[in-house]
Amino acid sequence: MDRHERDDVVVYHGQFLAKMVEHKDRMPTFIDDYSDIIWPNLQNGENLLIFVTHDESIFHAFDGQGR
């Protein structure tokens, strides 16, 4: 129904996940309630990467719903 199973979307998910694995060593790991952070050991010339997400699904959860 939400079209996440479309062939092009499945291929993109694979590409996205491969890229995330490639960048994982440059991102901090947040533990539990973010009180503990494991910082990456960056090499000379490497930049820290922070993965920021935005979930729009909550904004559309009740679209079209009447009371």
Protein backbone atom coordinates (compact mmCIF):
# COMPACT_ATOMS: atom_id res chain seq x y z
CA MET A 1 0.00 0.00 0.00
CA ASP A 2 2.79 2.46 0.83
CA ARG A 3 4.86 1.31 -2.18
CA HIS A 4 7.99 0.50 -0.15
CA GLU A 5 8.06 -2.85 -1.93
CA ARG A 6 8.45 -1.32 -5.42
CA ASP A 7 11.52 -2.61 -7.26
CA ASP A 8 13.15 0.82 -7.55
CA VAL A 9 12.59 1.52 -3.83
CA VAL A 10 14.07 -1.85 -2.84
CA VAL A 11 17.15 -1.15 -5.00
CA TYR A 12 17.53 2.34 -3.47
CA HIS A 13 17.29 0.92 0.07
CA GLY A 14 20.16 -1.46 -0.73
CA GLN A 15 22.28 1.40 -2.10
CA PHE A 16 21.47 3.60 0.90
CA LEU A 17 22.36 0.89 3.42
CA ALA A 18 25.64 0.14 1.63
CA LYS A 19 26.55 3.84 1.82
CA MET A 20 25.66 3.96 5.53
CA VAL A 21 27.96 0.99 6.23
CA GLU A 22 30.70 2.80 4.30
CA HIS A 23 30.33 5.91 6.50
CA LYS A 24 29.67 4.17 9.84
CA ASP A 25 33.27 4.50 11.08
CA ARG A 26 33.02 8.29 10.83
CA MET A 27 29.82 8.59 12.91
CA PRO A 28 29.41 8.63 16.69
CA THR A 29 27.47 5.81 18.35
CA PHE A 30 24.83 6.94 20.84
CA ILE A 31 24.16 4.58 23.74
CA ASP A 32 20.85 4.20 25.61
CA ASP A 33 19.35 7.64 26.27
CA TYR A 34 22.21 9.46 24.50
CA SER A 35 24.02 9.92 27.81
CA ASP A 36 26.96 7.90 26.51
CA ILE A 37 28.57 8.57 23.17
CA ILE A 38 31.31 6.55 21.50
CA TRP A 39 33.22 8.95 19.31
CA PRO A 40 34.88 7.65 16.14
CA ASN A 41 38.64 7.55 15.80
CA LEU A 42 39.07 9.80 12.77
CA GLN A 43 42.14 9.74 10.59
CA ASN A 44 43.85 12.89 9.27
CA GLY A 45 41.61 14.55 6.70
CA GLU A 46 38.45 12.70 7.77
CA ASN A 47 35.43 14.66 8.92
CA LEU A 48 32.93 13.65 11.58
CA LEU A 49 29.57 12.65 10.11
CA ILE A 50 26.30 13.13 12.00
CA PHE A 51 23.31 11.23 10.62
CA VAL A 52 20.19 13.38 10.94
CA THR A 53 16.76 11.93 10.19
CA HIS A 54 13.32 13.39 9.75
CA ASP A 55 10.21 11.22 9.92
CA GLU A 56 7.29 12.83 8.12
CA SER A 57 4.98 9.90 8.73
CA ILE A 58 3.71 11.38 11.99
CA PHE A 59 2.54 14.51 10.18
CA HIS A 60 0.37 12.49 7.82
CA ALA A 61 -0.84 9.82 10.24
CA PHE A 62 -4.44 11.05 10.38
CA ASP A 63 -4.82 12.78 7.02
CA GLY A 64 -8.31 12.25 5.70
CA GLN A 65 -9.64 11.07 9.05
CA GLY A 66 -12.87 12.63 10.23
CA ARG A 67 -14.12 12.78 13.79
